[in-house]
Amino acid sequence: MAMPIQTRESGFKTNPDYRVTLEPSPRRVRVKFNGEIIADSTNAHLLFETRHLPVYYFPRSDVRFDRMTPTDHHTFCPYKGTASYWTIAVGDKVAENAVWGYSDPFEEVAALRDVVAFYWDRVDAWYEEDEEIFVHPRDPYKRVDVLDSSRSVQIVVGGKFIAETRRARFLFETRLPTRYYIPPEDVRMELLVPSEKVTACPYKGKARYHSVKVEDRLFSDLVWTYPEPIAECPKIKGYLCFFNEQVDEIRVDGVAAGDAMVEGLEGKGRYGAGQPRTGCPTVAHYLWRSRGNAIPGWPEGPSRAPKLPPHLLIQTGRHGPVGPASR
């Protein structure tokens, strides 16, 4: 495979305020494919980039390149340069162009030369220490707090009260609207229809869904629950939560709770404005895509700048979480 030679100009000159922070992770991070560990590092780094979710990058020395073949596929990012790709092959299983790296990055991000990244969804499993993680790396600067509350919570769907409780558990997640988890005893379960939909959240686990049927109207996948949440979020186990954005109304102490999703999604902060945060079962992703946007960290293409040395604060482009593809 011929090494790409950089011939285009870096985008830093026209977008000097775009920033990326690279931080070392103290965790052992591993990637599994077809039963084999193909990356295993205690020197992985988390890259935090404006408008993107965190992403892991691995030193090349910690990656099983003997299980990979370079390809002729390349993509260009105006802030990082031209990315090269590798296909993973273990046994009879192949993942095309599942790994990317920059052999000749722009000089502003020269440290990218020594690291590579993986498409999250093109490998079989990711682990921090010995625990599997889902969807994307967990952000160490994000909090998820679940608090018992005796405040009155009422859920209205299709003009009817579907749930009323004073035993809700309020879930407060950084830059997302409050979610109200309600015990099933306080929900009209006869109106709920089990759904086949399953999603995963890196902070809570795997969620299963119900639709709500009110007379002849079906409100699809309106409710979710975590039958077995991850150990860090045990208090929501078995409780039911309704999409704030899709019910008629959520009342807390008799007052409409409102829809804070837009502010929650697009508030300014560590990632900058416009970045969807992961929330209860990918609702942020749902809303982000519903506006016609691509979802960072999902299979649209590699769009995360690879990793740098731990101390570096660099500027880079909007292409983030899943690889370097421009779009």
C-alpha atoms as a PDB file:
ATOM      1  CA  MET A   1       0.000   0.000   0.000  1.00  0.00           C
ATOM      2  CA  ALA A   2       1.447   3.354  -1.024  1.00  0.00           C
ATOM      3  CA  MET A   3       1.718   5.866   1.794  1.00  0.00           C
ATOM      4  CA  PRO A   4      -0.449   8.949   1.166  1.00  0.00           C
ATOM      5  CA  ILE A   5       1.459  12.207   0.766  1.00  0.00           C
ATOM      6  CA  GLN A   6      -0.102  15.360   2.196  1.00  0.00           C
ATOM      7  CA  THR A   7      -0.726  17.900  -0.553  1.00  0.00           C
ATOM      8  CA  ARG A   8      -3.621  19.927   0.863  1.00  0.00           C
ATOM      9  CA  GLU A   9      -3.541  22.730   3.390  1.00  0.00           C
ATOM     10  CA  SER A  10      -4.477  22.258   7.017  1.00  0.00           C
ATOM     11  CA  GLY A  11      -7.843  23.651   8.117  1.00  0.00           C
ATOM     12  CA  PHE A  12      -6.416  25.080  11.329  1.00  0.00           C
ATOM     13  CA  LYS A  13      -5.768  28.401   9.630  1.00  0.00           C
ATOM     14  CA  THR A  14      -9.451  28.995   8.953  1.00  0.00           C
ATOM     15  CA  ASN A  15     -10.774  27.485  12.200  1.00  0.00           C
ATOM     16  CA  PRO A  16      -8.270  28.342  14.943  1.00  0.00           C
ATOM     17  CA  ASP A  17     -10.766  27.968  17.805  1.00  0.00           C
ATOM     18  CA  TYR A  18     -11.602  24.324  17.210  1.00  0.00           C
ATOM     19  CA  ARG A  19      -9.963  22.351  19.978  1.00  0.00           C
ATOM     20  CA  VAL A  20      -9.188  18.796  20.943  1.00  0.00           C
ATOM     21  CA  THR A  21      -7.870  17.563  24.272  1.00  0.00           C
ATOM     22  CA  LEU A  22      -6.084  14.259  24.583  1.00  0.00           C
ATOM     23  CA  GLU A  23      -5.881  12.641  27.989  1.00  0.00           C
ATOM     24  CA  PRO A  24      -4.288   9.380  29.103  1.00  0.00           C
ATOM     25  CA  SER A  25      -6.643   6.753  30.434  1.00  0.00           C
ATOM     26  CA  PRO A  26      -5.587   4.828  33.551  1.00  0.00           C
ATOM     27  CA  ARG A  27      -7.720   1.894  32.383  1.00  0.00           C
ATOM     28  CA  ARG A  28      -6.623  -1.166  30.501  1.00  0.00           C
ATOM     29  CA  VAL A  29      -8.572  -1.077  27.234  1.00  0.00           C
ATOM     30  CA  ARG A  30      -9.045  -4.069  24.938  1.00  0.00           C
ATOM     31  CA  VAL A  31     -10.773  -4.755  21.630  1.00  0.00           C
ATOM     32  CA  LYS A  32     -12.026  -8.229  20.687  1.00  0.00           C
ATOM     33  CA  PHE A  33     -12.755  -9.584  17.223  1.00  0.00           C
ATOM     34  CA  ASN A  34     -13.877 -13.137  16.434  1.00  0.00           C
ATOM     35  CA  GLY A  35     -12.692 -14.420  19.782  1.00  0.00           C
ATOM     36  CA  GLU A  36      -9.248 -12.778  19.708  1.00  0.00           C
ATOM     37  CA  ILE A  37      -7.965  -9.664  21.425  1.00  0.00           C
ATOM     38  CA  ILE A  38      -6.646  -7.454  18.636  1.00  0.00           C
ATOM     39  CA  ALA A  39      -5.769  -4.412  20.749  1.00  0.00           C
ATOM     40  CA  ASP A  40      -4.674  -4.443  24.384  1.00  0.00           C
ATOM     41  CA  SER A  41      -3.283  -1.323  25.994  1.00  0.00           C
ATOM     42  CA  THR A  42      -2.624   0.262  29.358  1.00  0.00           C
ATOM     43  CA  ASN A  43      -1.524   3.357  27.445  1.00  0.00           C
ATOM     44  CA  ALA A  44      -4.746   4.161  25.592  1.00  0.00           C
ATOM     45  CA  HIS A  45      -5.873   7.763  25.424  1.00  0.00           C
ATOM     46  CA  LEU A  46      -9.249   9.447  25.333  1.00  0.00           C
ATOM     47  CA  LEU A  47      -9.665  12.153  22.767  1.00  0.00           C
ATOM     48  CA  PHE A  48     -12.145  14.929  23.587  1.00  0.00           C
ATOM     49  CA  GLU A  49     -13.112  16.973  20.565  1.00  0.00           C
ATOM     50  CA  THR A  50     -15.543  19.795  19.999  1.00  0.00           C
ATOM     51  CA  ARG A  51     -18.937  18.431  18.929  1.00  0.00           C
ATOM     52  CA  HIS A  52     -17.884  14.801  19.321  1.00  0.00           C
ATOM     53  CA  LEU A  53     -18.056  12.009  21.835  1.00  0.00           C
ATOM     54  CA  PRO A  54     -14.910  10.633  23.501  1.00  0.00           C
ATOM     55  CA  VAL A  55     -12.926   8.075  21.524  1.00  0.00           C
ATOM     56  CA  TYR A  56     -10.123   5.677  22.376  1.00  0.00           C
ATOM     57  CA  TYR A  57      -6.872   5.609  20.444  1.00  0.00           C
ATOM     58  CA  PHE A  58      -4.160   2.991  20.765  1.00  0.00           C
ATOM     59  CA  PRO A  59      -0.396   3.100  20.365  1.00  0.00           C
ATOM     60  CA  ARG A  60       0.451   1.076  17.273  1.00  0.00           C
ATOM     61  CA  SER A  61       2.651  -1.182  19.380  1.00  0.00           C
ATOM     62  CA  ASP A  62      -0.430  -2.343  21.316  1.00  0.00           C
ATOM     63  CA  VAL A  63      -2.379  -3.378  18.198  1.00  0.00           C
ATOM     64  CA  ARG A  64      -2.250  -6.807  16.502  1.00  0.00           C
ATOM     65  CA  PHE A  65      -1.247  -5.683  13.026  1.00  0.00           C
ATOM     66  CA  ASP A  66      -0.473  -9.316  12.188  1.00  0.00           C
ATOM     67  CA  ARG A  67      -4.268  -9.703  11.991  1.00  0.00           C
ATOM     68  CA  MET A  68      -4.659  -6.714   9.687  1.00  0.00           C
ATOM     69  CA  THR A  69      -4.004  -5.903   6.059  1.00  0.00           C
ATOM     70  CA  PRO A  70      -3.495  -2.371   4.702  1.00  0.00           C
ATOM     71  CA  THR A  71      -5.963  -1.352   2.000  1.00  0.00           C
ATOM     72  CA  ASP A  72      -6.029   1.264  -0.753  1.00  0.00           C
ATOM     73  CA  HIS A  73      -8.902   3.100   0.922  1.00  0.00           C
ATOM     74  CA  HIS A  74      -8.175   6.669   2.080  1.00  0.00           C
ATOM     75  CA  THR A  75     -10.218   9.562   3.398  1.00  0.00           C
ATOM     76  CA  PHE A  76      -9.290  13.161   3.966  1.00  0.00           C
ATOM     77  CA  CYS A  77      -9.961  15.346   6.987  1.00  0.00           C
ATOM     78  CA  PRO A  78      -9.040  19.034   6.632  1.00  0.00           C
ATOM     79  CA  TYR A  79      -7.751  19.106  10.205  1.00  0.00           C
ATOM     80  CA  LYS A  80      -5.887  15.836  10.441  1.00  0.00           C
ATOM     81  CA  GLY A  81      -4.855  14.909   6.949  1.00  0.00           C
ATOM     82  CA  THR A  82      -5.243  11.774   4.888  1.00  0.00           C
ATOM     83  CA  ALA A  83      -6.176   8.596   6.720  1.00  0.00           C
ATOM     84  CA  SER A  84      -5.063   5.128   5.748  1.00  0.00           C
ATOM     85  CA  TYR A  85      -7.081   2.019   6.560  1.00  0.00           C
ATOM     86  CA  TRP A  86      -6.607  -1.599   7.527  1.00  0.00           C
ATOM     87  CA  THR A  87      -8.922  -4.581   7.179  1.00  0.00           C
ATOM     88  CA  ILE A  88      -9.122  -7.000  10.111  1.00  0.00           C
ATOM     89  CA  ALA A  89      -9.153 -10.752   9.395  1.00  0.00           C
ATOM     90  CA  VAL A  90      -9.336 -13.338  12.170  1.00  0.00           C
ATOM     91  CA  GLY A  91     -10.226 -16.863  11.095  1.00  0.00           C
ATOM     92  CA  ASP A  92     -13.089 -16.685   8.620  1.00  0.00           C
ATOM     93  CA  LYS A  93     -14.343 -13.294   9.824  1.00  0.00           C
ATOM     94  CA  VAL A  94     -13.352 -10.067   8.080  1.00  0.00           C
ATOM     95  CA  ALA A  95     -14.047  -6.388   8.870  1.00  0.00           C
ATOM     96  CA  GLU A  96     -13.218  -4.168   5.911  1.00  0.00           C
ATOM     97  CA  ASN A  97     -11.455  -0.877   6.583  1.00  0.00           C
ATOM     98  CA  ALA A  98     -12.166  -1.153  10.303  1.00  0.00           C
ATOM     99  CA  VAL A  99      -8.966   0.528  11.505  1.00  0.00           C
ATOM    100  CA  TRP A 100      -7.541   3.887  10.505  1.00  0.00           C
ATOM    101  CA  GLY A 101      -4.467   5.958  11.160  1.00  0.00           C
ATOM    102  CA  TYR A 102      -2.497   8.931   9.822  1.00  0.00           C
ATOM    103  CA  SER A 103       0.967   8.068   8.544  1.00  0.00           C
ATOM    104  CA  ASP A 104       1.580  11.671   7.477  1.00  0.00           C
ATOM    105  CA  PRO A 105      -0.693  13.980   9.485  1.00  0.00           C
ATOM    106  CA  PHE A 106      -0.588  17.741   9.354  1.00  0.00           C
ATOM    107  CA  GLU A 107       2.284  19.060  11.432  1.00  0.00           C
ATOM    108  CA  GLU A 108      -0.121  20.639  13.932  1.00  0.00           C
ATOM    109  CA  VAL A 109      -1.186  17.111  14.910  1.00  0.00           C
ATOM    110  CA  ALA A 110       2.047  15.268  14.193  1.00  0.00           C
ATOM    111  CA  ALA A 111       1.555  12.899  17.133  1.00  0.00           C
ATOM    112  CA  LEU A 112      -1.268  11.213  15.235  1.00  0.00           C
ATOM    113  CA  ARG A 113       1.423   9.391  13.332  1.00  0.00           C
ATOM    114  CA  ASP A 114       1.901   6.942  16.225  1.00  0.00           C
ATOM    115  CA  VAL A 115      -1.692   5.936  16.977  1.00  0.00           C
ATOM    116  CA  VAL A 116      -4.634   4.176  15.339  1.00  0.00           C
ATOM    117  CA  ALA A 117      -8.335   3.874  16.054  1.00  0.00           C
ATOM    118  CA  PHE A 118     -11.121   1.359  15.444  1.00  0.00           C
ATOM    119  CA  TYR A 119     -14.675   1.656  14.213  1.00  0.00           C
ATOM    120  CA  TRP A 120     -16.633   0.854  17.350  1.00  0.00           C
ATOM    121  CA  ASP A 121     -19.280  -1.199  15.566  1.00  0.00           C
ATOM    122  CA  ARG A 122     -16.968  -3.185  13.286  1.00  0.00           C
ATOM    123  CA  VAL A 123     -15.421  -5.173  16.103  1.00  0.00           C
ATOM    124  CA  ASP A 124     -17.190  -7.564  18.448  1.00  0.00           C
ATOM    125  CA  ALA A 125     -16.531  -6.159  21.912  1.00  0.00           C
ATOM    126  CA  TRP A 126     -14.725  -3.481  23.900  1.00  0.00           C
ATOM    127  CA  TYR A 127     -13.471  -3.831  27.458  1.00  0.00           C
ATOM    128  CA  GLU A 128     -12.262  -1.482  30.160  1.00  0.00           C
ATOM    129  CA  GLU A 129     -10.352  -3.712  32.554  1.00  0.00           C
ATOM    130  CA  ASP A 130     -12.530  -6.880  32.590  1.00  0.00           C
ATOM    131  CA  GLU A 131     -15.909  -5.225  32.033  1.00  0.00           C
ATOM    132  CA  GLU A 132     -17.520  -4.876  28.621  1.00  0.00           C
ATOM    133  CA  ILE A 133     -18.476  -1.348  27.590  1.00  0.00           C
ATOM    134  CA  PHE A 134     -21.063  -0.333  25.025  1.00  0.00           C
ATOM    135  CA  VAL A 135     -21.757   2.333  22.375  1.00  0.00           C
ATOM    136  CA  HIS A 136     -18.712   4.535  23.041  1.00  0.00           C
ATOM    137  CA  PRO A 137     -16.184   5.207  25.812  1.00  0.00           C
ATOM    138  CA  ARG A 138     -17.643   6.637  28.977  1.00  0.00           C
ATOM    139  CA  ASP A 139     -16.745  10.260  29.565  1.00  0.00           C
ATOM    140  CA  PRO A 140     -15.020  10.623  32.963  1.00  0.00           C
ATOM    141  CA  TYR A 141     -16.349  14.193  33.143  1.00  0.00           C
ATOM    142  CA  LYS A 142     -19.978  13.139  32.816  1.00  0.00           C
ATOM    143  CA  ARG A 143     -22.181  12.399  35.844  1.00  0.00           C
ATOM    144  CA  VAL A 144     -25.291  10.274  36.154  1.00  0.00           C
ATOM    145  CA  ASP A 145     -27.101  10.696  39.482  1.00  0.00           C
ATOM    146  CA  VAL A 146     -30.294   8.853  40.410  1.00  0.00           C
ATOM    147  CA  LEU A 147     -32.241  10.312  43.329  1.00  0.00           C
ATOM    148  CA  ASP A 148     -35.406   9.101  45.033  1.00  0.00           C
ATOM    149  CA  SER A 149     -38.145  11.746  45.006  1.00  0.00           C
ATOM    150  CA  SER A 150     -41.535  12.089  46.689  1.00  0.00           C
ATOM    151  CA  ARG A 151     -42.608  14.782  44.226  1.00  0.00           C
ATOM    152  CA  SER A 152     -45.714  13.995  42.207  1.00  0.00           C
ATOM    153  CA  VAL A 153     -44.988  12.821  38.643  1.00  0.00           C
ATOM    154  CA  GLN A 154     -47.768  12.305  36.083  1.00  0.00           C
ATOM    155  CA  ILE A 155     -47.384  11.068  32.514  1.00  0.00           C
ATOM    156  CA  VAL A 156     -50.005  11.931  29.894  1.00  0.00           C
ATOM    157  CA  VAL A 157     -50.140  10.076  26.568  1.00  0.00           C
ATOM    158  CA  GLY A 158     -52.979  10.278  24.062  1.00  0.00           C
ATOM    159  CA  GLY A 159     -54.892  12.487  26.451  1.00  0.00           C
ATOM    160  CA  LYS A 160     -54.849   9.919  29.252  1.00  0.00           C
ATOM    161  CA  PHE A 161     -52.848   9.554  32.446  1.00  0.00           C
ATOM    162  CA  ILE A 162     -50.576   6.573  31.891  1.00  0.00           C
ATOM    163  CA  ALA A 163     -48.552   6.879  35.090  1.00  0.00           C
ATOM    164  CA  GLU A 164     -48.903   8.677  38.408  1.00  0.00           C
ATOM    165  CA  THR A 165     -46.444   8.329  41.253  1.00  0.00           C
ATOM    166  CA  ARG A 166     -44.763   9.847  44.266  1.00  0.00           C
ATOM    167  CA  ARG A 167     -42.054   7.194  44.172  1.00  0.00           C
ATOM    168  CA  ALA A 168     -40.185   8.199  41.024  1.00  0.00           C
ATOM    169  CA  ARG A 169     -36.426   8.152  40.737  1.00  0.00           C
ATOM    170  CA  PHE A 170     -35.098  11.251  39.029  1.00  0.00           C
ATOM    171  CA  LEU A 171     -32.110  10.645  36.776  1.00  0.00           C
ATOM    172  CA  PHE A 172     -29.865  13.662  36.323  1.00  0.00           C
ATOM    173  CA  GLU A 173     -27.343  13.259  33.499  1.00  0.00           C
ATOM    174  CA  THR A 174     -24.867  15.925  32.457  1.00  0.00           C
ATOM    175  CA  ARG A 175     -26.361  18.195  29.771  1.00  0.00           C
ATOM    176  CA  LEU A 176     -29.468  16.080  29.275  1.00  0.00           C
ATOM    177  CA  PRO A 177     -33.028  16.707  30.453  1.00  0.00           C
ATOM    178  CA  THR A 178     -34.100  15.070  33.683  1.00  0.00           C
ATOM    179  CA  ARG A 179     -35.568  11.606  33.203  1.00  0.00           C
ATOM    180  CA  TYR A 180     -38.277  10.228  35.471  1.00  0.00           C
ATOM    181  CA  TYR A 181     -38.058   6.522  36.263  1.00  0.00           C
ATOM    182  CA  ILE A 182     -41.327   5.181  37.622  1.00  0.00           C
ATOM    183  CA  PRO A 183     -42.015   1.877  39.425  1.00  0.00           C
ATOM    184  CA  PRO A 184     -44.183  -0.434  37.293  1.00  0.00           C
ATOM    185  CA  GLU A 185     -46.784  -0.557  40.073  1.00  0.00           C
ATOM    186  CA  ASP A 186     -47.555   3.096  39.327  1.00  0.00           C
ATOM    187  CA  VAL A 187     -47.834   2.650  35.551  1.00  0.00           C
ATOM    188  CA  ARG A 188     -50.904   1.418  33.683  1.00  0.00           C
ATOM    189  CA  MET A 189     -49.081  -1.655  32.462  1.00  0.00           C
ATOM    190  CA  GLU A 190     -52.178  -2.930  30.618  1.00  0.00           C
ATOM    191  CA  LEU A 191     -51.626  -0.112  28.113  1.00  0.00           C
ATOM    192  CA  LEU A 192     -47.998  -1.034  27.444  1.00  0.00           C
ATOM    193  CA  VAL A 193     -47.084  -3.296  24.537  1.00  0.00           C
ATOM    194  CA  PRO A 194     -43.620  -4.957  24.560  1.00  0.00           C
ATOM    195  CA  SER A 195     -41.417  -3.923  21.652  1.00  0.00           C
ATOM    196  CA  GLU A 196     -38.546  -5.685  19.902  1.00  0.00           C
ATOM    197  CA  LYS A 197     -36.405  -2.567  20.157  1.00  0.00           C
ATOM    198  CA  VAL A 198     -33.220  -2.757  22.218  1.00  0.00           C
ATOM    199  CA  THR A 199     -30.633   0.001  22.658  1.00  0.00           C
ATOM    200  CA  ALA A 200     -27.515   0.393  24.749  1.00  0.00           C
ATOM    201  CA  CYS A 201     -26.180   3.247  26.839  1.00  0.00           C
ATOM    202  CA  PRO A 202     -22.562   3.257  28.050  1.00  0.00           C
ATOM    203  CA  TYR A 203     -23.645   4.730  31.382  1.00  0.00           C
ATOM    204  CA  LYS A 204     -26.637   2.497  32.125  1.00  0.00           C
ATOM    205  CA  GLY A 205     -26.611  -0.713  30.082  1.00  0.00           C
ATOM    206  CA  LYS A 206     -29.078  -2.315  27.687  1.00  0.00           C
ATOM    207  CA  ALA A 207     -32.591  -0.916  27.483  1.00  0.00           C
ATOM    208  CA  ARG A 208     -35.749  -2.629  26.338  1.00  0.00           C
ATOM    209  CA  TYR A 209     -38.800  -0.789  25.075  1.00  0.00           C
ATOM    210  CA  HIS A 210     -42.590  -0.726  25.238  1.00  0.00           C
ATOM    211  CA  SER A 211     -45.094   1.050  23.054  1.00  0.00           C
ATOM    212  CA  VAL A 212     -48.199   2.652  24.538  1.00  0.00           C
ATOM    213  CA  LYS A 213     -51.630   1.760  23.167  1.00  0.00           C
ATOM    214  CA  VAL A 214     -54.414   4.222  23.921  1.00  0.00           C
ATOM    215  CA  GLU A 215     -57.689   3.062  22.372  1.00  0.00           C
ATOM    216  CA  ASP A 216     -56.886   2.655  18.651  1.00  0.00           C
ATOM    217  CA  ARG A 217     -53.631   4.683  18.725  1.00  0.00           C
ATOM    218  CA  LEU A 218     -50.216   3.103  19.144  1.00  0.00           C
ATOM    219  CA  PHE A 219     -47.348   5.257  20.366  1.00  0.00           C
ATOM    220  CA  SER A 220     -44.308   3.267  19.330  1.00  0.00           C
ATOM    221  CA  ASP A 221     -41.297   2.708  21.575  1.00  0.00           C
ATOM    222  CA  LEU A 222     -42.315   5.443  23.988  1.00  0.00           C
ATOM    223  CA  VAL A 223     -41.136   3.759  27.183  1.00  0.00           C
ATOM    224  CA  TRP A 224     -37.882   2.095  28.118  1.00  0.00           C
ATOM    225  CA  THR A 225     -36.558   0.115  31.049  1.00  0.00           C
ATOM    226  CA  TYR A 226     -33.238  -1.371  32.101  1.00  0.00           C
ATOM    227  CA  PRO A 227     -33.905  -4.925  33.342  1.00  0.00           C
ATOM    228  CA  GLU A 228     -30.235  -5.333  34.299  1.00  0.00           C
ATOM    229  CA  PRO A 229     -28.454  -1.976  34.391  1.00  0.00           C
ATOM    230  CA  ILE A 230     -24.713  -1.817  34.821  1.00  0.00           C
ATOM    231  CA  ALA A 231     -23.399  -1.910  38.379  1.00  0.00           C
ATOM    232  CA  GLU A 232     -22.842   1.861  38.475  1.00  0.00           C
ATOM    233  CA  CYS A 233     -26.532   2.618  37.930  1.00  0.00           C
ATOM    234  CA  PRO A 234     -28.516   0.039  39.956  1.00  0.00           C
ATOM    235  CA  LYS A 235     -31.381   2.242  41.162  1.00  0.00           C
ATOM    236  CA  ILE A 236     -33.186   2.329  37.807  1.00  0.00           C
ATOM    237  CA  LYS A 237     -33.480  -1.468  37.573  1.00  0.00           C
ATOM    238  CA  GLY A 238     -36.967  -2.440  36.427  1.00  0.00           C
ATOM    239  CA  TYR A 239     -38.305   1.130  36.536  1.00  0.00           C
ATOM    240  CA  LEU A 240     -40.018   2.624  33.495  1.00  0.00           C
ATOM    241  CA  CYS A 241     -39.138   5.887  31.778  1.00  0.00           C
ATOM    242  CA  PHE A 242     -41.130   7.814  29.159  1.00  0.00           C
ATOM    243  CA  PHE A 243     -39.666   9.945  26.367  1.00  0.00           C
ATOM    244  CA  ASN A 244     -40.149  13.538  27.502  1.00  0.00           C
ATOM    245  CA  GLU A 245     -40.154  14.579  23.861  1.00  0.00           C
ATOM    246  CA  GLN A 246     -42.946  12.255  22.727  1.00  0.00           C
ATOM    247  CA  VAL A 247     -45.555  12.166  25.475  1.00  0.00           C
ATOM    248  CA  ASP A 248     -48.345  14.740  25.672  1.00  0.00           C
ATOM    249  CA  GLU A 249     -47.028  16.012  28.956  1.00  0.00           C
ATOM    250  CA  ILE A 250     -44.990  15.201  32.019  1.00  0.00           C
ATOM    251  CA  ARG A 251     -46.151  16.977  35.148  1.00  0.00           C
ATOM    252  CA  VAL A 252     -43.957  17.307  38.224  1.00  0.00           C
ATOM    253  CA  ASP A 253     -45.828  18.594  41.285  1.00  0.00           C
ATOM    254  CA  GLY A 254     -48.635  19.497  38.898  1.00  0.00           C
ATOM    255  CA  VAL A 255     -46.480  21.681  36.670  1.00  0.00           C
ATOM    256  CA  ALA A 256     -45.525  20.729  33.107  1.00  0.00           C
ATOM    257  CA  ALA A 257     -41.904  19.649  33.126  1.00  0.00           C
ATOM    258  CA  GLY A 258     -41.350  20.930  29.588  1.00  0.00           C
ATOM    259  CA  ASP A 259     -38.920  19.655  26.976  1.00  0.00           C
ATOM    260  CA  ALA A 260     -35.354  20.602  27.751  1.00  0.00           C
ATOM    261  CA  MET A 261     -33.856  18.377  25.075  1.00  0.00           C
ATOM    262  CA  VAL A 262     -32.678  21.113  22.745  1.00  0.00           C
ATOM    263  CA  GLU A 263     -30.890  22.943  25.520  1.00  0.00           C
ATOM    264  CA  GLY A 264     -29.589  19.680  26.912  1.00  0.00           C
ATOM    265  CA  LEU A 265     -28.254  18.587  23.555  1.00  0.00           C
ATOM    266  CA  GLU A 266     -26.782  21.818  22.393  1.00  0.00           C
ATOM    267  CA  GLY A 267     -25.588  23.563  25.523  1.00  0.00           C
ATOM    268  CA  LYS A 268     -22.070  24.878  25.424  1.00  0.00           C
ATOM    269  CA  GLY A 269     -19.411  23.212  27.485  1.00  0.00           C
ATOM    270  CA  ARG A 270     -16.536  20.817  27.223  1.00  0.00           C
ATOM    271  CA  TYR A 271     -17.478  19.726  23.715  1.00  0.00           C
ATOM    272  CA  GLY A 272     -18.766  23.052  22.412  1.00  0.00           C
ATOM    273  CA  ALA A 273     -22.171  23.902  21.045  1.00  0.00           C
ATOM    274  CA  GLY A 274     -24.191  21.569  18.897  1.00  0.00           C
ATOM    275  CA  GLN A 275     -22.891  18.244  20.193  1.00  0.00           C
ATOM    276  CA  PRO A 276     -25.524  15.642  21.038  1.00  0.00           C
ATOM    277  CA  ARG A 277     -24.891  13.957  24.349  1.00  0.00           C
ATOM    278  CA  THR A 278     -25.711  10.338  24.837  1.00  0.00           C
ATOM    279  CA  GLY A 279     -28.806  10.055  26.963  1.00  0.00           C
ATOM    280  CA  CYS A 280     -31.320   7.465  27.980  1.00  0.00           C
ATOM    281  CA  PRO A 281     -31.403   4.951  25.182  1.00  0.00           C
ATOM    282  CA  THR A 282     -29.828   7.088  22.526  1.00  0.00           C
ATOM    283  CA  VAL A 283     -32.568   9.709  22.598  1.00  0.00           C
ATOM    284  CA  ALA A 284     -29.924  12.312  21.865  1.00  0.00           C
ATOM    285  CA  HIS A 285     -28.901  10.347  18.818  1.00  0.00           C
ATOM    286  CA  TYR A 286     -32.534   9.990  17.791  1.00  0.00           C
ATOM    287  CA  LEU A 287     -33.147  13.712  17.946  1.00  0.00           C
ATOM    288  CA  TRP A 288     -29.822  14.599  16.346  1.00  0.00           C
ATOM    289  CA  ARG A 289     -30.538  12.341  13.374  1.00  0.00           C
ATOM    290  CA  SER A 290     -34.122  13.561  13.128  1.00  0.00           C
ATOM    291  CA  ARG A 291     -32.685  16.994  12.329  1.00  0.00           C
ATOM    292  CA  GLY A 292     -30.837  15.549   9.357  1.00  0.00           C
ATOM    293  CA  ASN A 293     -27.450  15.302  11.024  1.00  0.00           C
ATOM    294  CA  ALA A 294     -25.002  12.445  11.021  1.00  0.00           C
ATOM    295  CA  ILE A 295     -24.422  10.912  14.449  1.00  0.00           C
ATOM    296  CA  PRO A 296     -20.863  11.140  15.751  1.00  0.00           C
ATOM    297  CA  GLY A 297     -19.605   7.759  16.900  1.00  0.00           C
ATOM    298  CA  TRP A 298     -22.014   5.820  14.713  1.00  0.00           C
ATOM    299  CA  PRO A 299     -21.337   3.967  11.461  1.00  0.00           C
ATOM    300  CA  GLU A 300     -21.374   6.939   9.109  1.00  0.00           C
ATOM    301  CA  GLY A 301     -17.622   6.848   8.761  1.00  0.00           C
ATOM    302  CA  PRO A 302     -14.537   7.414  10.802  1.00  0.00           C
ATOM    303  CA  SER A 303     -14.683  10.880  12.161  1.00  0.00           C
ATOM    304  CA  ARG A 304     -12.582  11.135  15.257  1.00  0.00           C
ATOM    305  CA  ALA A 305      -9.078  12.497  15.346  1.00  0.00           C
ATOM    306  CA  PRO A 306      -6.627   9.818  16.452  1.00  0.00           C
ATOM    307  CA  LYS A 307      -4.796  10.023  19.733  1.00  0.00           C
ATOM    308  CA  LEU A 308      -1.891  12.081  20.768  1.00  0.00           C
ATOM    309  CA  PRO A 309       0.474  12.211  23.718  1.00  0.00           C
ATOM    310  CA  PRO A 310      -1.327  12.666  27.029  1.00  0.00           C
ATOM    311  CA  HIS A 311      -0.459  16.276  27.633  1.00  0.00           C
ATOM    312  CA  LEU A 312      -1.352  17.629  24.215  1.00  0.00           C
ATOM    313  CA  LEU A 313      -4.053  20.173  23.651  1.00  0.00           C
ATOM    314  CA  ILE A 314      -4.411  20.497  19.901  1.00  0.00           C
ATOM    315  CA  GLN A 315      -6.739  21.993  17.377  1.00  0.00           C
ATOM    316  CA  THR A 316      -8.494  19.719  14.976  1.00  0.00           C
ATOM    317  CA  GLY A 317     -11.541  19.358  12.778  1.00  0.00           C
ATOM    318  CA  ARG A 318     -15.149  18.361  13.104  1.00  0.00           C
ATOM    319  CA  HIS A 319     -14.484  14.844  11.879  1.00  0.00           C
ATOM    320  CA  GLY A 320     -14.528  12.737  14.988  1.00  0.00           C
ATOM    321  CA  PRO A 321     -15.821   9.735  16.882  1.00  0.00           C
ATOM    322  CA  VAL A 322     -15.843   6.950  14.385  1.00  0.00           C
ATOM    323  CA  GLY A 323     -12.954   7.753  12.123  1.00  0.00           C
ATOM    324  CA  PRO A 324     -11.467  10.266   9.744  1.00  0.00           C
ATOM    325  CA  ALA A 325     -13.948  10.356   6.887  1.00  0.00           C
ATOM    326  CA  SER A 326     -14.876  13.808   5.695  1.00  0.00           C
ATOM    327  CA  ARG A 327     -18.563  14.535   5.172  1.00  0.00           C
END
